[in-house]
Structures are given as structure tokens and as C-alpha cells.
Amino acid sequence: MEAKEIIATRVAKEFKNGDFVNLGIGLPTMAANYISKDIHVNLHSENGFAGIWDKATPETLDKDVVDAGGTNVVLQKGGMFFDSLTSFEIIRGGHLDMTVLGALEVDEKGNLANWKIPGKLLPGMGGAMDLVNGAKRVIISMLHTARGKPKVLKKCTLPLTGKSVVDMIITELGVFEFINKELFLTELNQGISLSEIKKHTPASYKIALKN
């Protein structure tokens, strides 16, 4: 599998029956493709719908139905559409069991930077600040490095989206979890060594492998 598939597949394993899960822009939306048929969850897209959806085909394409990342999708039976006010009432009201977001940087204190790309003009951080404060659990799904530069750092260098908000980091190399505000490496992906993790992870972390 390619790196993003590895990450999306592992993210989907975090979903439990009955979960209400927000999927953020980009890589997080891929997790919808890997949900086990035995798991029944409701997905939330901050632009205004919830349920389970599939990527649109040429036969099912409706240009007005897109997920948070702008991909055309088809909402399955039982799903619903709503306005932005309702969407953010769900988020801010603490009704989401988890949100899965991408990141530019995460540091060893659980701080997250995921909205401002250096050198690019952006309209704002979107709903990310609301999501990291409103969801019961925050999972970051991202590539471990960007153009060879580490993304799991001792301290974020970019403007923060949230302070001490991250619960789990899932990359193509492995899984990190914040336990009692400390960062632990809990899983290594197949073929990945501890030395490779160390090489690409400036953050301080403890090792407590589950596998």
C-alpha cells in the first residue's frame, strides 16, 4: 500500500460502533473508504451533512454534493443535509466523538498547527479551531515528513490551531499517543524500525509498543 492508504486504513480502525466522526480536509477523508462493514458509524462533514457517503462516479455525480475536501460524493440512505449553523452547533456542542484532521506540525506537547502554510495567502483556519476544542477526541492523520522535513516536532513553529489538543498521531511510520500529557510511540508499521522513527522525529517521546 501507498503511504496515504496505510494511514487511512489505520485511522478507520479507531472507529467504533455508534461513533459520530468528523473527517477533515485531505487525507482524513480517505478513511471513509476503509471503514469495516461490521462497524456502523456516522460521518460528519463540516460543510453541512452527516451519514455515510461514497465517492461519486460519473453515473452518480451531483456537482453540488462535495465533502469538506471538495470531493464529489454520494450520501447513502439515512444521511442528512443541514446548514452551517447546525453543523457548527454540532461541533461546538460537543456532539462529535472524534475528529480526524491533517496537520502541518504537531509537537510533543500535543499542540497542533494545521492552517497557515508559509508563503501562501489563506482566508483563515476554517473549522479546525472549533473541531479541536469541540470533539471529544482529536486524531491527526498525516505523512510523517514534508519534503524530507519532520512534522512531529519538539515545538511547533507555525501559528497554532490549538494548544494541547491532540490525542493521537497516525503516520505511515507508526502511531503516537498522548497519555497523561506525555507522547508515547505505541505502534510501528510493518518494516519500520525504531531507528527510522528516531531519525524523522525530533520530538521527545517514550516507547510503549502494543504490537
C-alpha atoms as a PDB file:
ATOM      1  CA  MET A   1       0.000   0.000   0.000  1.00  0.00           C
ATOM      2  CA  GLU A   2       0.994   3.591  -0.555  1.00  0.00           C
ATOM      3  CA  ALA A   3       1.709   5.798   2.461  1.00  0.00           C
ATOM      4  CA  LYS A   4      -1.663   7.550   2.467  1.00  0.00           C
ATOM      5  CA  GLU A   5      -3.526   4.262   2.197  1.00  0.00           C
ATOM      6  CA  ILE A   6      -1.579   2.898   5.170  1.00  0.00           C
ATOM      7  CA  ILE A   7      -2.587   5.926   7.205  1.00  0.00           C
ATOM      8  CA  ALA A   8      -6.254   5.941   6.150  1.00  0.00           C
ATOM      9  CA  THR A   9      -6.603   2.207   6.830  1.00  0.00           C
ATOM     10  CA  ARG A  10      -5.180   2.618  10.335  1.00  0.00           C
ATOM     11  CA  VAL A  11      -7.387   5.628  11.057  1.00  0.00           C
ATOM     12  CA  ALA A  12     -10.509   3.630  10.192  1.00  0.00           C
ATOM     13  CA  LYS A  13      -9.569   1.062  12.854  1.00  0.00           C
ATOM     14  CA  GLU A  14     -10.185   3.732  15.503  1.00  0.00           C
ATOM     15  CA  PHE A  15     -13.882   3.923  14.625  1.00  0.00           C
ATOM     16  CA  LYS A  16     -16.268   2.106  16.955  1.00  0.00           C
ATOM     17  CA  ASN A  17     -19.961   1.256  16.614  1.00  0.00           C
ATOM     18  CA  GLY A  18     -22.105   4.322  17.138  1.00  0.00           C
ATOM     19  CA  ASP A  19     -19.300   6.857  16.768  1.00  0.00           C
ATOM     20  CA  PHE A  20     -20.060  10.278  15.297  1.00  0.00           C
ATOM     21  CA  VAL A  21     -16.865  11.212  13.441  1.00  0.00           C
ATOM     22  CA  ASN A  22     -15.784  14.363  11.646  1.00  0.00           C
ATOM     23  CA  LEU A  23     -13.377  13.869   8.746  1.00  0.00           C
ATOM     24  CA  GLY A  24     -11.265  16.899   7.861  1.00  0.00           C
ATOM     25  CA  ILE A  25      -9.929  18.091   4.532  1.00  0.00           C
ATOM     26  CA  GLY A  26      -7.468  15.991   2.568  1.00  0.00           C
ATOM     27  CA  LEU A  27      -6.062  12.705   3.789  1.00  0.00           C
ATOM     28  CA  PRO A  28      -8.602  12.270   6.638  1.00  0.00           C
ATOM     29  CA  THR A  29     -11.478  11.923   4.164  1.00  0.00           C
ATOM     30  CA  MET A  30      -9.775   8.813   2.741  1.00  0.00           C
ATOM     31  CA  ALA A  31     -10.605   6.938   5.953  1.00  0.00           C
ATOM     32  CA  ALA A  32     -14.231   6.754   4.796  1.00  0.00           C
ATOM     33  CA  ASN A  33     -13.108   4.225   2.157  1.00  0.00           C
ATOM     34  CA  TYR A  34     -11.727   1.782   4.738  1.00  0.00           C
ATOM     35  CA  ILE A  35     -14.482   1.519   7.342  1.00  0.00           C
ATOM     36  CA  SER A  36     -15.210  -2.111   8.198  1.00  0.00           C
ATOM     37  CA  LYS A  37     -18.635  -3.378   7.108  1.00  0.00           C
ATOM     38  CA  ASP A  38     -19.102  -4.571  10.699  1.00  0.00           C
ATOM     39  CA  ILE A  39     -18.739  -1.049  12.079  1.00  0.00           C
ATOM     40  CA  HIS A  40     -21.669   1.365  11.949  1.00  0.00           C
ATOM     41  CA  VAL A  41     -20.614   4.990  12.316  1.00  0.00           C
ATOM     42  CA  ASN A  42     -21.980   8.351  11.266  1.00  0.00           C
ATOM     43  CA  LEU A  43     -19.598  10.674   9.493  1.00  0.00           C
ATOM     44  CA  HIS A  44     -19.806  14.460   9.742  1.00  0.00           C
ATOM     45  CA  SER A  45     -18.678  16.920   7.084  1.00  0.00           C
ATOM     46  CA  GLU A  46     -18.383  20.450   8.412  1.00  0.00           C
ATOM     47  CA  ASN A  47     -19.851  21.942   5.224  1.00  0.00           C
ATOM     48  CA  GLY A  48     -23.225  20.519   6.179  1.00  0.00           C
ATOM     49  CA  PHE A  49     -24.076  16.828   6.034  1.00  0.00           C
ATOM     50  CA  ALA A  50     -23.819  13.633   8.027  1.00  0.00           C
ATOM     51  CA  GLY A  51     -24.202   9.901   7.485  1.00  0.00           C
ATOM     52  CA  ILE A  52     -22.115   7.610   5.309  1.00  0.00           C
ATOM     53  CA  TRP A  53     -21.015   8.576   1.826  1.00  0.00           C
ATOM     54  CA  ASP A  54     -19.247   7.121  -1.164  1.00  0.00           C
ATOM     55  CA  LYS A  55     -17.086   8.808  -3.765  1.00  0.00           C
ATOM     56  CA  ALA A  56     -19.240   9.802  -6.725  1.00  0.00           C
ATOM     57  CA  THR A  57     -18.973   8.006 -10.052  1.00  0.00           C
ATOM     58  CA  PRO A  58     -19.757   9.559 -13.443  1.00  0.00           C
ATOM     59  CA  GLU A  59     -23.225   7.981 -13.176  1.00  0.00           C
ATOM     60  CA  THR A  60     -23.959   9.298  -9.671  1.00  0.00           C
ATOM     61  CA  LEU A  61     -22.205  12.663  -9.894  1.00  0.00           C
ATOM     62  CA  ASP A  62     -24.002  15.661  -8.397  1.00  0.00           C
ATOM     63  CA  LYS A  63     -21.723  18.696  -8.621  1.00  0.00           C
ATOM     64  CA  ASP A  64     -23.462  20.299  -5.628  1.00  0.00           C
ATOM     65  CA  VAL A  65     -22.596  17.467  -3.223  1.00  0.00           C
ATOM     66  CA  VAL A  66     -18.982  17.636  -2.033  1.00  0.00           C
ATOM     67  CA  ASP A  67     -17.227  16.655   1.185  1.00  0.00           C
ATOM     68  CA  ALA A  68     -15.093  19.070   3.232  1.00  0.00           C
ATOM     69  CA  GLY A  69     -12.177  18.470   0.874  1.00  0.00           C
ATOM     70  CA  GLY A  70     -14.155  19.325  -2.249  1.00  0.00           C
ATOM     71  CA  THR A  71     -14.544  15.732  -3.495  1.00  0.00           C
ATOM     72  CA  ASN A  72     -17.847  14.844  -5.127  1.00  0.00           C
ATOM     73  CA  VAL A  73     -19.625  12.233  -3.015  1.00  0.00           C
ATOM     74  CA  VAL A  74     -22.943  10.429  -2.764  1.00  0.00           C
ATOM     75  CA  LEU A  75     -24.732  10.372   0.584  1.00  0.00           C
ATOM     76  CA  GLN A  76     -26.145   6.964   1.424  1.00  0.00           C
ATOM     77  CA  LYS A  77     -29.698   6.295   2.613  1.00  0.00           C
ATOM     78  CA  GLY A  78     -30.297   7.731   6.075  1.00  0.00           C
ATOM     79  CA  GLY A  79     -27.883  10.636   5.650  1.00  0.00           C
ATOM     80  CA  MET A  80     -28.958  14.242   6.008  1.00  0.00           C
ATOM     81  CA  PHE A  81     -28.033  17.735   4.890  1.00  0.00           C
ATOM     82  CA  PHE A  82     -28.079  20.844   7.107  1.00  0.00           C
ATOM     83  CA  ASP A  83     -26.858  24.430   7.139  1.00  0.00           C
ATOM     84  CA  SER A  84     -23.537  25.711   8.501  1.00  0.00           C
ATOM     85  CA  LEU A  85     -25.158  26.976  11.704  1.00  0.00           C
ATOM     86  CA  THR A  86     -26.380  23.480  12.553  1.00  0.00           C
ATOM     87  CA  SER A  87     -23.046  21.972  11.540  1.00  0.00           C
ATOM     88  CA  PHE A  88     -21.136  24.185  13.953  1.00  0.00           C
ATOM     89  CA  GLU A  89     -23.719  23.719  16.704  1.00  0.00           C
ATOM     90  CA  ILE A  90     -22.906  20.005  16.434  1.00  0.00           C
ATOM     91  CA  ILE A  91     -19.170  20.735  16.623  1.00  0.00           C
ATOM     92  CA  ARG A  92     -19.225  23.355  19.379  1.00  0.00           C
ATOM     93  CA  GLY A  93     -21.869  21.496  21.343  1.00  0.00           C
ATOM     94  CA  GLY A  94     -19.519  18.570  21.980  1.00  0.00           C
ATOM     95  CA  HIS A  95     -21.543  16.049  19.970  1.00  0.00           C
ATOM     96  CA  LEU A  96     -18.633  14.613  17.965  1.00  0.00           C
ATOM     97  CA  ASP A  97     -16.882  11.550  19.359  1.00  0.00           C
ATOM     98  CA  MET A  98     -13.785  12.384  17.363  1.00  0.00           C
ATOM     99  CA  THR A  99     -12.367  14.498  14.596  1.00  0.00           C
ATOM    100  CA  VAL A 100      -9.673  13.319  12.194  1.00  0.00           C
ATOM    101  CA  LEU A 101      -7.562  16.181  10.871  1.00  0.00           C
ATOM    102  CA  GLY A 102      -4.439  16.702   8.832  1.00  0.00           C
ATOM    103  CA  ALA A 103      -1.515  18.714  10.169  1.00  0.00           C
ATOM    104  CA  LEU A 104       1.435  20.781   9.101  1.00  0.00           C
ATOM    105  CA  GLU A 105       3.060  20.325  12.526  1.00  0.00           C
ATOM    106  CA  VAL A 106       2.357  18.601  15.832  1.00  0.00           C
ATOM    107  CA  ASP A 107       4.668  18.910  18.817  1.00  0.00           C
ATOM    108  CA  GLU A 108       5.467  16.870  21.901  1.00  0.00           C
ATOM    109  CA  LYS A 109       3.008  18.887  23.989  1.00  0.00           C
ATOM    110  CA  GLY A 110       0.065  17.990  21.780  1.00  0.00           C
ATOM    111  CA  ASN A 111      -0.032  21.403  20.128  1.00  0.00           C
ATOM    112  CA  LEU A 112      -1.379  21.486  16.572  1.00  0.00           C
ATOM    113  CA  ALA A 113      -0.589  23.754  13.625  1.00  0.00           C
ATOM    114  CA  ASN A 114      -2.635  22.905  10.548  1.00  0.00           C
ATOM    115  CA  TRP A 115      -3.983  26.010   8.894  1.00  0.00           C
ATOM    116  CA  LYS A 116      -1.303  28.512   7.834  1.00  0.00           C
ATOM    117  CA  ILE A 117       1.029  27.449   5.042  1.00  0.00           C
ATOM    118  CA  PRO A 118       4.130  29.687   4.875  1.00  0.00           C
ATOM    119  CA  GLY A 119       4.194  31.887   1.799  1.00  0.00           C
ATOM    120  CA  LYS A 120       0.551  31.302   0.875  1.00  0.00           C
ATOM    121  CA  LEU A 121      -2.444  33.559   1.356  1.00  0.00           C
ATOM    122  CA  LEU A 122      -5.269  31.789   3.149  1.00  0.00           C
ATOM    123  CA  PRO A 123      -8.735  33.075   4.125  1.00  0.00           C
ATOM    124  CA  GLY A 124      -8.470  31.588   7.625  1.00  0.00           C
ATOM    125  CA  MET A 125      -8.321  28.354   9.566  1.00  0.00           C
ATOM    126  CA  GLY A 126     -11.807  27.180   8.670  1.00  0.00           C
ATOM    127  CA  GLY A 127     -13.473  24.987  11.275  1.00  0.00           C
ATOM    128  CA  ALA A 128     -10.307  23.401  12.640  1.00  0.00           C
ATOM    129  CA  MET A 129     -10.139  25.555  15.782  1.00  0.00           C
ATOM    130  CA  ASP A 130     -13.744  24.678  16.606  1.00  0.00           C
ATOM    131  CA  LEU A 131     -13.179  20.987  15.904  1.00  0.00           C
ATOM    132  CA  VAL A 132     -10.130  20.555  18.137  1.00  0.00           C
ATOM    133  CA  ASN A 133     -11.972  22.182  21.019  1.00  0.00           C
ATOM    134  CA  GLY A 134     -15.397  20.638  20.417  1.00  0.00           C
ATOM    135  CA  ALA A 135     -14.639  16.992  19.597  1.00  0.00           C
ATOM    136  CA  LYS A 136     -14.107  14.518  22.419  1.00  0.00           C
ATOM    137  CA  ARG A 137     -11.010  13.091  20.697  1.00  0.00           C
ATOM    138  CA  VAL A 138      -8.581  14.562  18.150  1.00  0.00           C
ATOM    139  CA  ILE A 139      -6.694  12.235  15.796  1.00  0.00           C
ATOM    140  CA  ILE A 140      -4.075  13.599  13.408  1.00  0.00           C
ATOM    141  CA  SER A 141      -3.525  11.694  10.178  1.00  0.00           C
ATOM    142  CA  MET A 142      -0.556  12.911   8.178  1.00  0.00           C
ATOM    143  CA  LEU A 143       2.616  11.960   6.375  1.00  0.00           C
ATOM    144  CA  HIS A 144       5.482  11.796   8.856  1.00  0.00           C
ATOM    145  CA  THR A 145       7.593  14.302   6.914  1.00  0.00           C
ATOM    146  CA  ALA A 146       7.013  17.014   4.314  1.00  0.00           C
ATOM    147  CA  ARG A 147       9.682  17.212   1.615  1.00  0.00           C
ATOM    148  CA  GLY A 148      12.060  15.491   3.998  1.00  0.00           C
ATOM    149  CA  LYS A 149      11.331  17.839   6.906  1.00  0.00           C
ATOM    150  CA  PRO A 150       9.927  16.342  10.138  1.00  0.00           C
ATOM    151  CA  LYS A 151       6.387  17.213  11.216  1.00  0.00           C
ATOM    152  CA  VAL A 152       6.381  15.727  14.743  1.00  0.00           C
ATOM    153  CA  LEU A 153       8.445  18.378  16.494  1.00  0.00           C
ATOM    154  CA  LYS A 154       9.679  19.457  19.892  1.00  0.00           C
ATOM    155  CA  LYS A 155       7.809  22.729  19.394  1.00  0.00           C
ATOM    156  CA  CYS A 156       5.553  23.947  16.594  1.00  0.00           C
ATOM    157  CA  THR A 157       6.992  26.783  14.530  1.00  0.00           C
ATOM    158  CA  LEU A 158       3.766  27.757  12.755  1.00  0.00           C
ATOM    159  CA  PRO A 159       0.726  29.548  14.246  1.00  0.00           C
ATOM    160  CA  LEU A 160      -1.223  27.148  16.452  1.00  0.00           C
ATOM    161  CA  THR A 161      -4.693  25.852  15.746  1.00  0.00           C
ATOM    162  CA  GLY A 162      -4.995  24.501  19.282  1.00  0.00           C
ATOM    163  CA  LYS A 163      -2.874  24.001  22.418  1.00  0.00           C
ATOM    164  CA  SER A 164      -2.535  20.515  23.936  1.00  0.00           C
ATOM    165  CA  VAL A 165      -5.480  19.222  21.907  1.00  0.00           C
ATOM    166  CA  VAL A 166      -4.057  16.170  20.087  1.00  0.00           C
ATOM    167  CA  ASP A 167      -4.816  12.666  21.386  1.00  0.00           C
ATOM    168  CA  MET A 168      -3.243  10.512  18.655  1.00  0.00           C
ATOM    169  CA  ILE A 169      -0.950  10.883  15.628  1.00  0.00           C
ATOM    170  CA  ILE A 170      -1.136   8.335  12.820  1.00  0.00           C
ATOM    171  CA  THR A 171       1.521   8.387  10.080  1.00  0.00           C
ATOM    172  CA  GLU A 172       2.893   5.908   7.557  1.00  0.00           C
ATOM    173  CA  LEU A 173       5.660   5.067  10.044  1.00  0.00           C
ATOM    174  CA  GLY A 174       3.590   4.348  13.134  1.00  0.00           C
ATOM    175  CA  VAL A 175       1.228   5.596  15.819  1.00  0.00           C
ATOM    176  CA  PHE A 176       1.868   8.037  18.670  1.00  0.00           C
ATOM    177  CA  GLU A 177      -0.500   8.635  21.570  1.00  0.00           C
ATOM    178  CA  PHE A 178      -0.642  11.308  24.246  1.00  0.00           C
ATOM    179  CA  ILE A 179      -1.086   9.615  27.637  1.00  0.00           C
ATOM    180  CA  ASN A 180      -1.265  11.867  30.697  1.00  0.00           C
ATOM    181  CA  LYS A 181       0.098  14.697  28.529  1.00  0.00           C
ATOM    182  CA  GLU A 182       3.180  12.691  27.509  1.00  0.00           C
ATOM    183  CA  LEU A 183       3.933  11.478  23.979  1.00  0.00           C
ATOM    184  CA  PHE A 184       4.294   7.728  23.503  1.00  0.00           C
ATOM    185  CA  LEU A 185       5.189   5.707  20.423  1.00  0.00           C
ATOM    186  CA  THR A 186       2.660   2.863  20.637  1.00  0.00           C
ATOM    187  CA  GLU A 187       2.829   1.196  17.211  1.00  0.00           C
ATOM    188  CA  LEU A 188       5.392   0.612  14.470  1.00  0.00           C
ATOM    189  CA  ASN A 189       4.195  -0.068  10.958  1.00  0.00           C
ATOM    190  CA  GLN A 190       5.476  -3.124   9.134  1.00  0.00           C
ATOM    191  CA  GLY A 191       9.079  -2.749   8.017  1.00  0.00           C
ATOM    192  CA  ILE A 192       9.691   0.374  10.121  1.00  0.00           C
ATOM    193  CA  SER A 193      12.446   0.365  12.755  1.00  0.00           C
ATOM    194  CA  LEU A 194      12.820   2.363  15.948  1.00  0.00           C
ATOM    195  CA  SER A 195      15.919   3.993  14.472  1.00  0.00           C
ATOM    196  CA  GLU A 196      13.901   5.222  11.485  1.00  0.00           C
ATOM    197  CA  ILE A 197      11.279   6.732  13.784  1.00  0.00           C
ATOM    198  CA  LYS A 198      14.020   8.452  15.792  1.00  0.00           C
ATOM    199  CA  LYS A 199      15.676   9.805  12.644  1.00  0.00           C
ATOM    200  CA  HIS A 200      12.499  11.537  11.496  1.00  0.00           C
ATOM    201  CA  THR A 201      11.047  12.589  14.875  1.00  0.00           C
ATOM    202  CA  PRO A 202      12.717  15.488  16.729  1.00  0.00           C
ATOM    203  CA  ALA A 203      10.040  15.384  19.434  1.00  0.00           C
ATOM    204  CA  SER A 204      10.808  13.672  22.732  1.00  0.00           C
ATOM    205  CA  TYR A 205       8.701  10.541  23.248  1.00  0.00           C
ATOM    206  CA  LYS A 206       8.572   7.357  25.251  1.00  0.00           C
ATOM    207  CA  ILE A 207       8.226   3.877  23.758  1.00  0.00           C
ATOM    208  CA  ALA A 208       5.306   1.669  24.765  1.00  0.00           C
ATOM    209  CA  LEU A 209       4.724  -0.571  21.757  1.00  0.00           C
ATOM    210  CA  LYS A 210       1.482  -2.528  21.662  1.00  0.00           C
ATOM    211  CA  ASN A 211       2.452  -4.774  18.751  1.00  0.00           C
END
